[in-house]
């Protein structure tokens, strides 16, 4: 076993992505900070955008974060459930319209009463 392997086995080289700040964000007050995954989701209403060193980093995080939320929240399991969930989001939260997905939903018929009772 090398020294590096031994240090890793003891936990010396760990970095818990869920609690250690590593995601650059721009807050509503215009200040940039780094937040953890927990902080990102808990403070989402106070954040204006994700800020990476490169646009590709921002894009990668914008692809990764919804999958984490989906898994953690047992998100919708098929396209119909996604449509219903997004429809309710856009109807109930005026700020959700700025997410861009609500414009797409404006061209989709509302979910049936049967599907919204799930």
N, C-alpha and C. Protein backbone atom coordinates (compact mmCIF):
# COMPACT_ATOMS: atom_id res chain seq x y z
N UNK A 1 0.85 -1.17 0.00
CA UNK A 1 0.00 0.00 0.00
C UNK A 1 0.90 1.24 0.00
N UNK A 2 0.57 2.21 -0.87
CA UNK A 2 1.35 3.44 -0.94
C UNK A 2 0.90 4.40 0.15
N UNK A 3 1.67 5.44 0.34
CA UNK A 3 1.32 6.44 1.34
C UNK A 3 -0.01 7.11 0.97
N UNK A 4 -0.22 7.35 -0.32
CA UNK A 4 -1.46 7.96 -0.78
C UNK A 4 -2.66 7.05 -0.48
N UNK A 5 -2.50 5.75 -0.74
CA UNK A 5 -3.58 4.80 -0.44
C UNK A 5 -3.90 4.79 1.05
N UNK A 6 -2.88 4.83 1.87
CA UNK A 6 -3.07 4.81 3.31
C UNK A 6 -3.78 6.06 3.80
N UNK A 7 -3.41 7.22 3.25
CA UNK A 7 -4.06 8.47 3.65
C UNK A 7 -5.52 8.47 3.24
N UNK A 8 -5.80 7.96 2.05
CA UNK A 8 -7.18 7.91 1.58
C UNK A 8 -8.00 6.93 2.43
N UNK A 9 -7.40 5.81 2.81
CA UNK A 9 -8.11 4.82 3.62
C UNK A 9 -8.47 5.40 4.99
N UNK A 10 -7.67 6.34 5.48
CA UNK A 10 -7.95 6.96 6.78
C UNK A 10 -8.92 8.13 6.66
N UNK A 11 -9.30 8.47 5.44
CA UNK A 11 -10.24 9.56 5.25
C UNK A 11 -9.60 10.93 5.11
N UNK A 12 -8.30 11.00 5.06
CA UNK A 12 -7.61 12.29 5.01
C UNK A 12 -7.86 13.03 3.69
N UNK A 13 -8.20 12.32 2.63
CA UNK A 13 -8.38 12.95 1.34
C UNK A 13 -9.84 13.02 0.91
N UNK A 14 -10.74 13.06 1.85
CA UNK A 14 -12.16 13.08 1.49
C UNK A 14 -12.64 14.52 1.28
N UNK A 15 -13.66 14.66 0.46
CA UNK A 15 -14.31 15.94 0.22
C UNK A 15 -15.78 15.64 -0.01
N UNK A 16 -16.59 15.90 0.97
CA UNK A 16 -18.02 15.59 0.89
C UNK A 16 -18.72 16.67 0.07
N UNK A 17 -19.10 16.33 -1.16
CA UNK A 17 -19.72 17.28 -2.07
C UNK A 17 -21.06 17.80 -1.57
N UNK A 18 -21.69 17.06 -0.68
CA UNK A 18 -23.01 17.49 -0.21
C UNK A 18 -22.94 18.60 0.84
N UNK A 19 -21.84 18.67 1.60
CA UNK A 19 -21.78 19.66 2.68
C UNK A 19 -20.64 20.67 2.56
N UNK A 20 -19.64 20.38 1.75
CA UNK A 20 -18.52 21.32 1.58
C UNK A 20 -18.81 22.26 0.41
N UNK A 21 -18.64 23.57 0.59
CA UNK A 21 -18.90 24.52 -0.50
C UNK A 21 -17.94 24.30 -1.68
N UNK A 22 -18.51 24.23 -2.88
CA UNK A 22 -17.71 24.05 -4.10
C UNK A 22 -18.40 24.57 -5.35
N UNK A 23 -19.69 24.93 -5.25
CA UNK A 23 -20.44 25.40 -6.40
C UNK A 23 -20.52 26.92 -6.34
N UNK A 24 -19.96 27.57 -7.36
CA UNK A 24 -20.02 29.02 -7.42
C UNK A 24 -21.41 29.49 -7.77
N UNK A 25 -21.91 30.48 -7.02
CA UNK A 25 -23.24 31.03 -7.28
C UNK A 25 -23.19 32.55 -7.20
N UNK A 26 -24.16 33.17 -7.86
CA UNK A 26 -24.38 34.60 -7.74
C UNK A 26 -25.68 34.78 -6.99
N UNK A 27 -25.60 35.45 -5.84
CA UNK A 27 -26.79 35.65 -5.02
C UNK A 27 -27.62 36.81 -5.56
N UNK A 28 -28.85 36.93 -5.08
CA UNK A 28 -29.73 38.01 -5.50
C UNK A 28 -29.14 39.38 -5.18
N UNK A 29 -28.31 39.46 -4.15
CA UNK A 29 -27.71 40.76 -3.79
C UNK A 29 -26.48 41.08 -4.65
N UNK A 30 -26.15 40.21 -5.63
CA UNK A 30 -25.05 40.47 -6.55
C UNK A 30 -23.69 39.94 -6.09
N UNK A 31 -23.64 39.31 -4.92
CA UNK A 31 -22.37 38.80 -4.41
C UNK A 31 -22.17 37.35 -4.83
N UNK A 32 -20.92 37.02 -5.15
CA UNK A 32 -20.58 35.64 -5.52
C UNK A 32 -20.08 34.89 -4.29
N UNK A 33 -20.51 33.63 -4.19
CA UNK A 33 -20.11 32.75 -3.09
C UNK A 33 -19.97 31.33 -3.63
N UNK A 34 -19.38 30.49 -2.82
CA UNK A 34 -19.41 29.06 -3.09
C UNK A 34 -20.33 28.42 -2.06
N UNK A 35 -21.15 27.49 -2.54
CA UNK A 35 -22.08 26.80 -1.66
C UNK A 35 -21.96 25.30 -1.86
N UNK A 36 -22.44 24.56 -0.89
CA UNK A 36 -22.49 23.10 -1.00
C UNK A 36 -23.77 22.70 -1.72
N UNK A 37 -23.91 21.43 -2.03
CA UNK A 37 -25.15 20.95 -2.63
C UNK A 37 -26.34 21.23 -1.72
N UNK A 38 -26.17 20.95 -0.43
CA UNK A 38 -27.26 21.21 0.52
C UNK A 38 -27.66 22.67 0.51
N UNK A 39 -26.66 23.56 0.56
CA UNK A 39 -26.93 24.99 0.57
C UNK A 39 -27.59 25.45 -0.73
N UNK A 40 -27.15 24.89 -1.84
CA UNK A 40 -27.70 25.27 -3.13
C UNK A 40 -29.20 25.02 -3.18
N UNK A 41 -29.61 23.84 -2.75
CA UNK A 41 -31.04 23.52 -2.78
C UNK A 41 -31.81 24.27 -1.68
N UNK A 42 -31.22 24.40 -0.51
CA UNK A 42 -31.89 25.08 0.60
C UNK A 42 -32.05 26.58 0.34
N UNK A 43 -31.09 27.19 -0.37
CA UNK A 43 -31.10 28.63 -0.59
C UNK A 43 -31.46 29.00 -2.03
N UNK A 44 -32.02 28.08 -2.77
CA UNK A 44 -32.29 28.30 -4.20
C UNK A 44 -33.08 29.57 -4.46
N UNK A 45 -33.99 29.93 -3.59
CA UNK A 45 -34.79 31.13 -3.78
C UNK A 45 -34.00 32.42 -3.67
N UNK A 46 -32.80 32.34 -3.10
CA UNK A 46 -31.96 33.53 -2.91
C UNK A 46 -30.84 33.60 -3.94
N UNK A 47 -30.78 32.64 -4.86
CA UNK A 47 -29.68 32.58 -5.81
C UNK A 47 -30.15 32.99 -7.20
N UNK A 48 -29.33 33.79 -7.85
CA UNK A 48 -29.66 34.27 -9.19
C UNK A 48 -29.19 33.29 -10.26
N UNK A 49 -27.98 32.74 -10.07
CA UNK A 49 -27.45 31.81 -11.07
C UNK A 49 -26.26 31.06 -10.53
N UNK A 50 -25.90 30.01 -11.24
CA UNK A 50 -24.68 29.25 -10.97
C UNK A 50 -23.57 29.90 -11.76
N UNK A 51 -22.40 30.03 -11.15
CA UNK A 51 -21.27 30.67 -11.81
C UNK A 51 -20.10 29.70 -11.82
N UNK A 52 -19.66 29.32 -13.02
CA UNK A 52 -18.50 28.46 -13.16
C UNK A 52 -17.33 29.23 -13.74
N UNK A 53 -16.15 28.62 -13.73
CA UNK A 53 -14.99 29.24 -14.34
C UNK A 53 -15.14 29.29 -15.86
N UNK A 54 -15.88 28.33 -16.40
CA UNK A 54 -16.14 28.23 -17.83
C UNK A 54 -17.63 27.98 -18.05
N UNK A 55 -18.18 28.43 -19.17
CA UNK A 55 -19.59 28.15 -19.45
C UNK A 55 -19.91 26.65 -19.45
N UNK A 56 -18.96 25.83 -19.84
CA UNK A 56 -19.21 24.39 -19.85
C UNK A 56 -19.40 23.84 -18.45
N UNK A 57 -18.78 24.45 -17.46
CA UNK A 57 -18.99 24.02 -16.07
C UNK A 57 -20.41 24.35 -15.62
N UNK A 58 -20.88 25.54 -15.99
CA UNK A 58 -22.25 25.92 -15.63
C UNK A 58 -23.24 24.97 -16.29
N UNK A 59 -23.01 24.67 -17.57
CA UNK A 59 -23.89 23.77 -18.30
C UNK A 59 -23.90 22.39 -17.64
N UNK A 60 -22.72 21.90 -17.28
CA UNK A 60 -22.63 20.57 -16.66
C UNK A 60 -23.40 20.53 -15.34
N UNK A 61 -23.27 21.57 -14.53
CA UNK A 61 -24.00 21.62 -13.26
C UNK A 61 -25.51 21.74 -13.48
N UNK A 62 -25.90 22.49 -14.49
CA UNK A 62 -27.32 22.63 -14.78
C UNK A 62 -27.92 21.32 -15.28
N UNK A 63 -27.10 20.44 -15.79
CA UNK A 63 -27.57 19.10 -16.18
C UNK A 63 -27.56 18.15 -14.98
N UNK A 64 -26.57 18.30 -14.09
CA UNK A 64 -26.42 17.40 -12.95
C UNK A 64 -27.42 17.68 -11.83
N UNK A 65 -27.63 18.95 -11.50
CA UNK A 65 -28.44 19.29 -10.34
C UNK A 65 -29.89 18.81 -10.42
N UNK A 66 -30.55 18.90 -11.56
CA UNK A 66 -31.92 18.35 -11.60
C UNK A 66 -31.97 16.84 -11.38
N UNK A 67 -30.93 16.14 -11.80
CA UNK A 67 -30.93 14.69 -11.57
C UNK A 67 -30.79 14.37 -10.09
N UNK A 68 -30.00 15.17 -9.39
CA UNK A 68 -29.85 14.98 -7.94
C UNK A 68 -31.18 15.27 -7.25
N UNK A 69 -31.82 16.38 -7.62
CA UNK A 69 -33.12 16.73 -7.03
C UNK A 69 -34.16 15.67 -7.35
N UNK A 70 -34.16 15.21 -8.58
CA UNK A 70 -35.13 14.19 -9.00
C UNK A 70 -34.98 12.93 -8.16
N UNK A 71 -33.75 12.50 -7.98
CA UNK A 71 -33.50 11.29 -7.20
C UNK A 71 -33.86 11.50 -5.73
N UNK A 72 -33.46 12.62 -5.17
CA UNK A 72 -33.70 12.88 -3.75
C UNK A 72 -35.18 13.05 -3.43
N UNK A 73 -35.94 13.58 -4.38
CA UNK A 73 -37.35 13.87 -4.14
C UNK A 73 -38.29 12.84 -4.75
N UNK A 74 -37.72 11.74 -5.23
CA UNK A 74 -38.54 10.73 -5.92
C UNK A 74 -39.41 11.41 -6.97
N UNK A 75 -38.74 12.12 -7.86
CA UNK A 75 -39.42 12.92 -8.89
C UNK A 75 -40.29 12.10 -9.82
N UNK A 76 -40.94 12.80 -10.75
CA UNK A 76 -41.85 12.14 -11.69
C UNK A 76 -41.18 11.00 -12.43
N UNK A 77 -41.95 9.93 -12.67
CA UNK A 77 -41.35 8.73 -13.26
C UNK A 77 -41.53 8.64 -14.77
N UNK A 78 -42.42 9.45 -15.36
CA UNK A 78 -42.59 9.41 -16.81
C UNK A 78 -42.93 10.80 -17.33
N UNK A 79 -43.03 10.93 -18.64
CA UNK A 79 -43.27 12.24 -19.25
C UNK A 79 -44.59 12.85 -18.82
N UNK A 80 -45.63 12.06 -18.66
CA UNK A 80 -46.92 12.60 -18.23
C UNK A 80 -46.83 13.20 -16.82
N UNK A 81 -46.14 12.50 -15.93
CA UNK A 81 -45.98 13.04 -14.57
C UNK A 81 -45.15 14.31 -14.58
N UNK A 82 -44.10 14.35 -15.43
CA UNK A 82 -43.29 15.56 -15.54
C UNK A 82 -44.15 16.72 -16.02
N UNK A 83 -44.98 16.49 -17.02
CA UNK A 83 -45.84 17.54 -17.56
C UNK A 83 -46.78 18.06 -16.47
N UNK A 84 -47.39 17.15 -15.72
CA UNK A 84 -48.30 17.53 -14.65
C UNK A 84 -47.57 18.32 -13.56
N UNK A 85 -46.41 17.84 -13.19
CA UNK A 85 -45.64 18.50 -12.14
C UNK A 85 -45.22 19.90 -12.57
N UNK A 86 -44.70 20.03 -13.79
CA UNK A 86 -44.27 21.33 -14.28
C UNK A 86 -45.45 22.28 -14.46
N UNK A 87 -46.58 21.75 -14.89
CA UNK A 87 -47.77 22.57 -15.05
C UNK A 87 -48.16 23.18 -13.71
N UNK A 88 -48.21 22.34 -12.69
CA UNK A 88 -48.57 22.84 -11.35
C UNK A 88 -47.54 23.85 -10.86
N UNK A 89 -46.27 23.62 -11.11
CA UNK A 89 -45.21 24.54 -10.70
C UNK A 89 -45.44 25.90 -11.34
N UNK A 90 -45.69 25.92 -12.63
CA UNK A 90 -45.85 27.18 -13.34
C UNK A 90 -47.13 27.91 -12.95
N UNK A 91 -48.16 27.19 -12.62
CA UNK A 91 -49.42 27.81 -12.23
C UNK A 91 -49.35 28.39 -10.81
N UNK A 92 -48.62 27.73 -9.94
CA UNK A 92 -48.60 28.12 -8.53
C UNK A 92 -47.49 29.06 -8.12
N UNK A 93 -46.49 29.26 -8.98
CA UNK A 93 -45.35 30.09 -8.58
C UNK A 93 -45.03 31.06 -9.70
N UNK A 94 -45.36 32.35 -9.54
CA UNK A 94 -45.08 33.32 -10.59
C UNK A 94 -43.61 33.34 -11.02
N UNK A 95 -42.69 33.15 -10.09
CA UNK A 95 -41.27 33.16 -10.42
C UNK A 95 -40.85 32.01 -11.32
N UNK A 96 -41.64 30.94 -11.32
CA UNK A 96 -41.30 29.77 -12.13
C UNK A 96 -41.37 30.09 -13.61
N UNK A 97 -42.14 31.09 -13.97
CA UNK A 97 -42.25 31.45 -15.39
C UNK A 97 -40.91 31.87 -15.95
N UNK A 98 -40.03 32.40 -15.13
CA UNK A 98 -38.72 32.83 -15.61
C UNK A 98 -37.79 31.65 -15.86
N UNK A 99 -38.19 30.45 -15.48
CA UNK A 99 -37.35 29.28 -15.69
C UNK A 99 -37.28 28.86 -17.15
N UNK A 100 -38.16 29.40 -17.98
CA UNK A 100 -38.14 29.10 -19.40
C UNK A 100 -39.02 27.93 -19.79
N UNK A 101 -39.22 26.98 -18.90
CA UNK A 101 -40.00 25.80 -19.25
C UNK A 101 -41.49 26.11 -19.30
N UNK A 102 -41.91 27.18 -18.65
CA UNK A 102 -43.34 27.49 -18.62
C UNK A 102 -43.82 27.97 -19.98
N UNK A 103 -42.97 28.57 -20.78
CA UNK A 103 -43.35 28.97 -22.12
C UNK A 103 -43.69 27.76 -22.97
N UNK A 104 -42.96 26.70 -22.79
CA UNK A 104 -43.25 25.46 -23.51
C UNK A 104 -44.58 24.90 -23.04
N UNK A 105 -44.82 24.95 -21.76
CA UNK A 105 -46.05 24.40 -21.21
C UNK A 105 -47.28 25.19 -21.61
N UNK A 106 -47.11 26.46 -22.00
CA UNK A 106 -48.24 27.26 -22.44
C UNK A 106 -48.89 26.66 -23.68
N UNK A 107 -48.13 25.87 -24.43
CA UNK A 107 -48.66 25.24 -25.64
C UNK A 107 -49.20 23.84 -25.37
N UNK A 108 -49.17 23.42 -24.12
CA UNK A 108 -49.61 22.07 -23.75
C UNK A 108 -50.91 22.20 -22.97
N UNK A 109 -51.83 21.32 -23.22
CA UNK A 109 -53.10 21.37 -22.49
C UNK A 109 -52.87 21.08 -21.01
N UNK A 110 -53.70 21.66 -20.14
CA UNK A 110 -53.54 21.41 -18.71
C UNK A 110 -53.74 19.94 -18.39
N UNK A 111 -53.14 19.48 -17.29
CA UNK A 111 -53.34 18.08 -16.90
C UNK A 111 -54.79 17.83 -16.53
N UNK A 112 -55.22 16.61 -16.72
CA UNK A 112 -56.59 16.27 -16.36
C UNK A 112 -56.73 16.24 -14.85
N UNK A 113 -57.93 16.40 -14.38
CA UNK A 113 -58.17 16.34 -12.93
C UNK A 113 -57.76 14.99 -12.36
N UNK A 114 -57.93 13.96 -13.15
CA UNK A 114 -57.56 12.61 -12.71
C UNK A 114 -56.08 12.51 -12.41
N UNK A 115 -55.22 13.07 -13.27
CA UNK A 115 -53.78 12.96 -13.07
C UNK A 115 -53.27 13.90 -12.00
N UNK A 116 -53.99 15.01 -11.71
CA UNK A 116 -53.50 15.95 -10.72
C UNK A 116 -53.86 15.53 -9.29
N UNK A 117 -54.58 14.45 -9.13
CA UNK A 117 -54.94 13.97 -7.78
C UNK A 117 -53.95 12.96 -7.25
N UNK A 118 -52.83 12.73 -7.96
CA UNK A 118 -51.83 11.75 -7.51
C UNK A 118 -51.11 12.18 -6.29
